[in-house]
Amino acid sequence: MNEGSTEDERSRQRFRFATADLLREEGAKSALLATISTIVVFSGLAVLTVSSPNWPKVRRQFFSGEDFADSAPDVIDGFWLNLELFAIAMVTIPLLALVITLMRSLRGPAFFPIRLLAVIYTDLFRGVPLILLIFLLGFGVPPLDITGLPNDAKFWGLVALTLSYAAYTSEIYRSGIDAVPESQRASARAIGLTQMQSLWYAILPQAVRNVVPALMNTVVSLQKDVALISVLGLRDAVREAEIYKARTFNFTSYVVATLLFLAISIPLTRLVDWYTARDRARRTQVAV
C-alpha cells in the first residue's frame, strides 16, 4: 500500500512538472506571437504614414524639431499651472463629494430637505457639460463683482472643476455605500451610534475601499480635463501652445503639450491598472 501511494505521488509530480513545462512553452509562444504582431502592425502604420504624399507638410507643421525646442519652455511653464490646479482639485473634490454623499445617505423624514438638496446638486452638475460650467462661472461670476468673492479666473476654473467632478465622485461614494451590507448599519445603530457616526465610522471606511479603483479612474480623467481652463485665457500648457501656434502658424507646440499630459496620464493609468488587478486578486482570495 505504501509503495502504491509513493508511485501515485510520483505520477502526480510528473504530471505537475509536465503541465508547468507546457504552460511555460505556451507562454513563450504567445509572447513571441504578440511581439511579432505588434512589430508588423506598427511598422505597417509607420510605412503607411510616411508614404503619404502630404507627410512632409504634416511633419513640418506638427513635428518640427526647431519649433519643438522653441515652444517647449513656454508650454512647460504653463503646464505647472495645470499641475497646480490638479493638485488642489485632488483635495477639494473628494471633500465636497464626501459632504454631498453624507447628505444624501441620511435617512428619515426629518432629513428629506437635506437629501433633496444633494439630489438637486448631483443632477444639476452632472447634467451640465464641464466646458459650459467653466464658461458660465469663469465669465459670468467675476463681472458681478460680489463682495467677498474672488474675481480671479483661476479660482473660478477650479470651482467649476470641483463642482462638476464632486457630483460624479459623490455618486461613486454612494455606490460604495450601497454595496455595504445593511447589517453593518444596523449593528452600528445597535451599539448606540447616531446616523452620522454610523456612516463615518462603520459604513464609509468599507465603502471607500470598495470604490478605490473607480476613484482612481476619475483622477486620470481629471488630469486631462484640467486643460479646459485654457478657455478662460489662463496661460496653461494648452494656452501657451495656442499662443505659439498663432505666432508661427505651426502646430508642433500642441504636440509638446500632448506629450506633457501623456507623461502624467500614462503612469496614472498604469497605476490604476495595477491597483485594480491587486484589488481583484485580494477579493478573489477572500472569496475563496
Protein backbone atom coordinates (compact mmCIF):
# COMPACT_ATOMS: atom_id res chain seq x y z
CA MET A 1 0.00 0.00 0.00
CA ASN A 2 2.85 2.38 0.80
CA GLU A 3 4.59 1.56 -2.48
CA GLY A 4 1.35 2.30 -4.36
CA SER A 5 0.92 5.63 -2.60
CA THR A 6 4.52 6.57 -3.39
CA GLU A 7 4.01 5.71 -7.07
CA ASP A 8 0.82 7.78 -7.17
CA GLU A 9 2.64 10.73 -5.66
CA ARG A 10 5.41 10.42 -8.23
CA SER A 11 2.85 10.31 -11.02
CA ARG A 12 1.19 13.47 -9.71
CA GLN A 13 4.55 15.25 -9.51
CA ARG A 14 5.42 14.22 -13.08
CA PHE A 15 2.04 15.49 -14.21
CA ARG A 16 2.54 18.86 -12.44
CA PHE A 17 6.02 19.24 -13.92
CA ALA A 18 4.77 18.39 -17.39
CA THR A 19 1.88 20.83 -17.03
CA ALA A 20 4.22 23.61 -15.85
CA ASP A 21 6.57 22.97 -18.80
CA LEU A 22 3.64 23.07 -21.19
CA LEU A 23 2.36 26.34 -19.73
CA ARG A 24 5.83 27.92 -19.97
CA GLU A 25 6.11 26.80 -23.58
CA GLU A 26 2.67 28.16 -24.42
CA GLY A 27 3.51 31.43 -22.65
CA ALA A 28 6.74 31.80 -24.64
CA LYS A 29 4.90 31.15 -27.90
CA SER A 30 2.21 33.67 -27.01
CA ALA A 31 4.78 36.33 -26.09
CA LEU A 32 6.68 35.74 -29.36
CA LEU A 33 3.48 35.93 -31.41
CA ALA A 34 2.40 39.13 -29.62
CA THR A 35 5.80 40.73 -30.25
CA ILE A 36 5.81 39.84 -33.94
CA SER A 37 2.23 41.01 -34.50
CA THR A 38 2.93 44.30 -32.68
CA ILE A 39 6.03 44.96 -34.80
CA VAL A 40 4.14 44.16 -38.01
CA VAL A 41 1.15 46.37 -37.16
CA PHE A 42 3.15 49.41 -36.03
CA SER A 43 5.63 49.06 -38.87
CA GLY A 44 2.76 48.97 -41.32
CA LEU A 45 1.20 52.08 -39.80
CA ALA A 46 4.55 53.89 -39.91
CA VAL A 47 5.13 52.97 -43.55
CA LEU A 48 1.58 53.98 -44.45
CA THR A 49 2.00 57.35 -42.74
CA VAL A 50 5.43 58.18 -44.14
CA SER A 51 4.48 57.11 -47.66
CA SER A 52 1.59 59.59 -47.73
CA PRO A 53 2.22 62.35 -50.32
CA ASN A 54 1.41 65.05 -47.73
CA TRP A 55 3.63 63.61 -44.99
CA PRO A 56 6.46 66.18 -45.50
CA LYS A 57 4.00 69.04 -44.97
CA VAL A 58 2.44 67.37 -41.92
CA ARG A 59 5.89 66.68 -40.47
CA ARG A 60 6.88 70.34 -40.81
CA GLN A 61 3.61 71.51 -39.25
CA PHE A 62 3.40 69.05 -36.33
CA PHE A 63 6.83 67.50 -35.79
CA SER A 64 9.33 70.27 -36.42
CA GLY A 65 12.38 69.84 -34.20
CA GLU A 66 13.15 73.56 -34.26
CA ASP A 67 9.61 74.57 -33.29
CA PHE A 68 9.56 71.85 -30.63
CA ALA A 69 12.65 73.33 -28.99
CA ASP A 70 11.36 76.91 -29.32
CA SER A 71 7.88 76.26 -27.88
CA ALA A 72 8.81 73.76 -25.14
CA PRO A 73 9.96 76.25 -22.45
CA ASP A 74 6.75 78.32 -22.51
CA VAL A 75 4.49 75.26 -22.74
CA ILE A 76 6.29 73.62 -19.80
CA ASP A 77 5.92 76.81 -17.75
CA GLY A 78 2.20 76.77 -18.50
CA PHE A 79 1.98 73.11 -17.57
CA TRP A 80 2.90 73.98 -13.98
CA LEU A 81 -0.45 75.80 -13.73
CA ASN A 82 -2.24 72.63 -14.87
CA LEU A 83 -0.40 70.64 -12.22
CA GLU A 84 -1.19 73.23 -9.55
CA LEU A 85 -4.92 73.16 -10.26
CA PHE A 86 -4.84 69.36 -10.49
CA ALA A 87 -3.21 69.09 -7.08
CA ILE A 88 -5.70 71.48 -5.44
CA ALA A 89 -8.68 69.79 -7.11
CA MET A 90 -7.47 66.44 -5.78
CA VAL A 91 -8.20 67.82 -2.30
CA THR A 92 -11.35 69.89 -2.87
CA ILE A 93 -13.24 67.33 -4.98
CA PRO A 94 -13.16 64.37 -2.53
CA LEU A 95 -14.06 66.64 0.39
CA LEU A 96 -17.08 68.20 -1.31
CA ALA A 97 -18.14 64.82 -2.72
CA LEU A 98 -17.97 63.32 0.77
CA VAL A 99 -20.23 66.05 2.16
CA ILE A 100 -22.77 65.51 -0.63
CA THR A 101 -22.66 61.75 -0.10
CA LEU A 102 -23.29 62.08 3.63
CA MET A 103 -26.18 64.46 2.99
CA ARG A 104 -27.79 62.00 0.59
CA SER A 105 -27.21 58.98 2.83
CA LEU A 106 -29.08 60.39 5.84
CA ARG A 107 -32.34 58.56 6.50
CA GLY A 108 -35.64 59.59 7.99
CA PRO A 109 -38.28 62.18 7.04
CA ALA A 110 -36.57 64.94 9.02
CA PHE A 111 -33.57 64.79 6.67
CA PHE A 112 -35.62 64.90 3.46
CA PRO A 113 -34.73 68.56 2.66
CA ILE A 114 -31.02 67.75 3.01
CA ARG A 115 -31.35 64.69 0.77
CA LEU A 116 -33.29 66.77 -1.75
CA LEU A 117 -30.53 69.39 -1.90
CA ALA A 118 -27.95 66.66 -2.51
CA VAL A 119 -30.05 65.13 -5.30
CA ILE A 120 -30.55 68.53 -6.95
CA TYR A 121 -26.81 69.19 -6.75
CA THR A 122 -25.80 65.89 -8.36
CA ASP A 123 -28.47 66.12 -11.07
CA LEU A 124 -27.56 69.70 -11.91
CA PHE A 125 -23.80 69.44 -12.09
CA ARG A 126 -23.78 66.03 -13.75
CA GLY A 127 -26.13 67.39 -16.39
CA VAL A 128 -24.13 70.49 -17.30
CA PRO A 129 -21.08 69.84 -19.55
CA LEU A 130 -17.87 70.84 -17.82
CA ILE A 131 -16.82 73.21 -20.60
CA LEU A 132 -20.12 75.12 -20.26
CA LEU A 133 -19.76 75.27 -16.49
CA ILE A 134 -16.28 76.74 -16.86
CA PHE A 135 -17.63 79.36 -19.28
CA LEU A 136 -20.59 80.23 -17.05
CA LEU A 137 -18.60 80.60 -13.84
CA GLY A 138 -15.38 81.95 -15.32
CA PHE A 139 -17.01 84.66 -17.42
CA GLY A 140 -20.33 85.11 -15.60
CA VAL A 141 -19.46 85.48 -11.92
CA PRO A 142 -16.44 87.87 -11.91
CA PRO A 143 -18.34 90.72 -13.67
CA LEU A 144 -20.89 90.65 -10.83
CA ASP A 145 -18.13 91.93 -8.51
CA ILE A 146 -19.74 90.33 -5.46
CA THR A 147 -18.13 91.44 -2.22
CA GLY A 148 -16.06 88.69 -0.66
CA LEU A 149 -15.82 86.57 -3.80
CA PRO A 150 -12.59 86.47 -5.84
CA ASN A 151 -12.66 87.67 -9.43
CA ASP A 152 -9.69 85.52 -10.44
CA ALA A 153 -10.34 83.30 -13.47
CA LYS A 154 -8.10 80.60 -12.00
CA PHE A 155 -10.27 80.45 -8.89
CA TRP A 156 -13.49 80.04 -10.86
CA GLY A 157 -11.93 77.48 -13.15
CA LEU A 158 -11.03 75.46 -10.06
CA VAL A 159 -14.56 75.93 -8.68
CA ALA A 160 -16.06 74.63 -11.93
CA LEU A 161 -13.81 71.55 -11.88
CA THR A 162 -14.64 70.89 -8.23
CA LEU A 163 -18.41 71.28 -8.61
CA SER A 164 -18.58 69.05 -11.69
CA TYR A 165 -16.28 66.27 -10.54
CA ALA A 166 -17.65 66.26 -6.99
CA ALA A 167 -21.09 65.40 -8.39
CA TYR A 168 -19.70 62.33 -10.14
CA THR A 169 -17.45 61.38 -7.24
CA SER A 170 -20.32 61.57 -4.75
CA GLU A 171 -22.21 59.01 -6.84
CA ILE A 172 -19.15 56.75 -6.75
CA TYR A 173 -19.09 57.07 -2.97
CA ARG A 174 -22.80 56.34 -2.82
CA SER A 175 -22.41 53.18 -4.90
CA GLY A 176 -19.79 52.03 -2.40
CA ILE A 177 -22.15 52.73 0.49
CA ASP A 178 -24.94 50.77 -1.21
CA ALA A 179 -22.55 47.81 -1.57
CA VAL A 180 -22.01 47.65 2.21
CA PRO A 181 -24.41 45.12 3.79
CA GLU A 182 -27.32 46.67 5.63
CA SER A 183 -26.39 44.62 8.66
CA GLN A 184 -23.33 46.84 9.15
CA ARG A 185 -25.52 49.90 9.59
CA ALA A 186 -27.90 48.03 11.87
CA SER A 187 -25.02 46.80 14.02
CA ALA A 188 -23.62 50.31 14.35
CA ARG A 189 -27.01 51.68 15.40
CA ALA A 190 -27.45 48.78 17.83
CA ILE A 191 -24.37 49.80 19.80
CA GLY A 192 -25.70 53.34 20.17
CA LEU A 193 -24.08 55.22 17.25
CA THR A 194 -26.04 58.03 15.60
CA GLN A 195 -26.74 58.05 11.86
CA MET A 196 -23.74 60.28 11.17
CA GLN A 197 -21.46 58.26 13.43
CA SER A 198 -22.59 55.04 11.77
CA LEU A 199 -21.80 56.43 8.35
CA TRP A 200 -18.47 57.91 9.38
CA TYR A 201 -17.06 55.05 11.46
CA ALA A 202 -18.74 51.91 10.09
CA ILE A 203 -20.03 52.45 6.55
CA LEU A 204 -17.68 54.90 4.84
CA PRO A 205 -14.40 53.06 5.52
CA GLN A 206 -15.80 49.95 3.86
CA ALA A 207 -17.44 51.94 1.06
CA VAL A 208 -14.25 53.78 0.14
CA ARG A 209 -12.29 50.53 -0.09
CA ASN A 210 -14.91 49.20 -2.48
CA VAL A 211 -14.66 52.12 -4.90
CA VAL A 212 -10.95 53.00 -4.87
CA PRO A 213 -10.41 51.71 -8.46
CA ALA A 214 -13.29 53.84 -9.74
CA LEU A 215 -11.97 56.87 -7.85
CA MET A 216 -8.53 56.41 -9.36
CA ASN A 217 -10.04 56.34 -12.86
CA THR A 218 -11.67 59.67 -12.03
CA VAL A 219 -8.24 61.04 -11.13
CA VAL A 220 -6.94 60.11 -14.60
CA SER A 221 -9.90 61.85 -16.22
CA LEU A 222 -9.45 64.95 -14.05
CA GLN A 223 -5.79 65.26 -15.02
CA LYS A 224 -6.83 65.67 -18.65
CA ASP A 225 -9.84 67.92 -18.08
CA VAL A 226 -7.74 70.46 -16.19
CA ALA A 227 -6.63 71.60 -19.67
CA LEU A 228 -10.14 73.02 -20.24
CA ILE A 229 -9.29 76.03 -18.08
CA SER A 230 -7.42 77.43 -21.08
CA VAL A 231 -10.75 78.70 -22.42
CA LEU A 232 -10.69 81.33 -19.65
CA GLY A 233 -7.48 82.80 -21.04
CA LEU A 234 -5.28 81.31 -18.35
CA ARG A 235 -1.81 80.68 -19.68
CA ASP A 236 -1.59 76.98 -19.04
CA ALA A 237 0.12 74.47 -21.32
CA VAL A 238 -2.69 74.45 -23.89
CA ARG A 239 -2.96 78.24 -23.97
CA GLU A 240 0.81 78.65 -24.37
CA ALA A 241 0.72 76.15 -27.23
CA GLU A 242 -2.10 78.11 -28.84
CA ILE A 243 -0.19 81.38 -28.50
CA TYR A 244 2.87 79.84 -30.17
CA LYS A 245 0.71 78.45 -32.98
CA ALA A 246 -0.92 81.83 -33.57
CA ARG A 247 2.51 83.46 -33.79
CA THR A 248 4.22 80.90 -36.05
CA PHE A 249 1.33 79.06 -37.75
CA ASN A 250 2.99 75.82 -36.64
CA PHE A 251 1.23 73.13 -34.59
CA THR A 252 4.28 71.48 -33.03
CA SER A 253 3.59 73.27 -29.74
CA TYR A 254 0.38 71.24 -29.41
CA VAL A 255 2.48 68.07 -29.67
CA VAL A 256 4.65 69.38 -26.81
CA ALA A 257 1.56 69.93 -24.65
CA THR A 258 0.24 66.49 -25.59
CA LEU A 259 3.47 64.80 -24.52
CA LEU A 260 3.39 66.62 -21.18
CA PHE A 261 -0.11 65.41 -20.40
CA LEU A 262 0.78 61.89 -21.52
CA ALA A 263 3.79 61.94 -19.19
CA ILE A 264 1.33 62.25 -16.30
CA SER A 265 -1.70 60.31 -17.53
CA ILE A 266 0.09 57.14 -18.70
CA PRO A 267 1.80 56.44 -15.33
CA LEU A 268 -1.51 57.19 -13.59
CA THR A 269 -3.31 54.77 -15.90
CA ARG A 270 -0.75 52.04 -15.25
CA LEU A 271 -1.09 52.67 -11.51
CA VAL A 272 -4.86 52.29 -11.78
CA ASP A 273 -4.48 49.02 -13.71
CA TRP A 274 -2.00 47.69 -11.15
CA TYR A 275 -4.19 48.61 -8.20
CA THR A 276 -7.32 47.20 -9.87
CA ALA A 277 -5.58 43.89 -10.55
CA ARG A 278 -4.30 43.73 -6.97
CA ASP A 279 -7.75 44.55 -5.58
CA ARG A 280 -9.33 41.87 -7.79
CA ALA A 281 -6.78 39.30 -6.59
CA ARG A 282 -7.43 40.28 -2.96
CA ARG A 283 -11.18 39.90 -3.38
CA THR A 284 -10.70 36.51 -5.06
CA GLN A 285 -8.58 35.28 -2.16
CA VAL A 286 -11.18 36.50 0.34
CA ALA A 287 -13.96 34.77 -1.57
CA VAL A 288 -12.01 31.53 -1.64
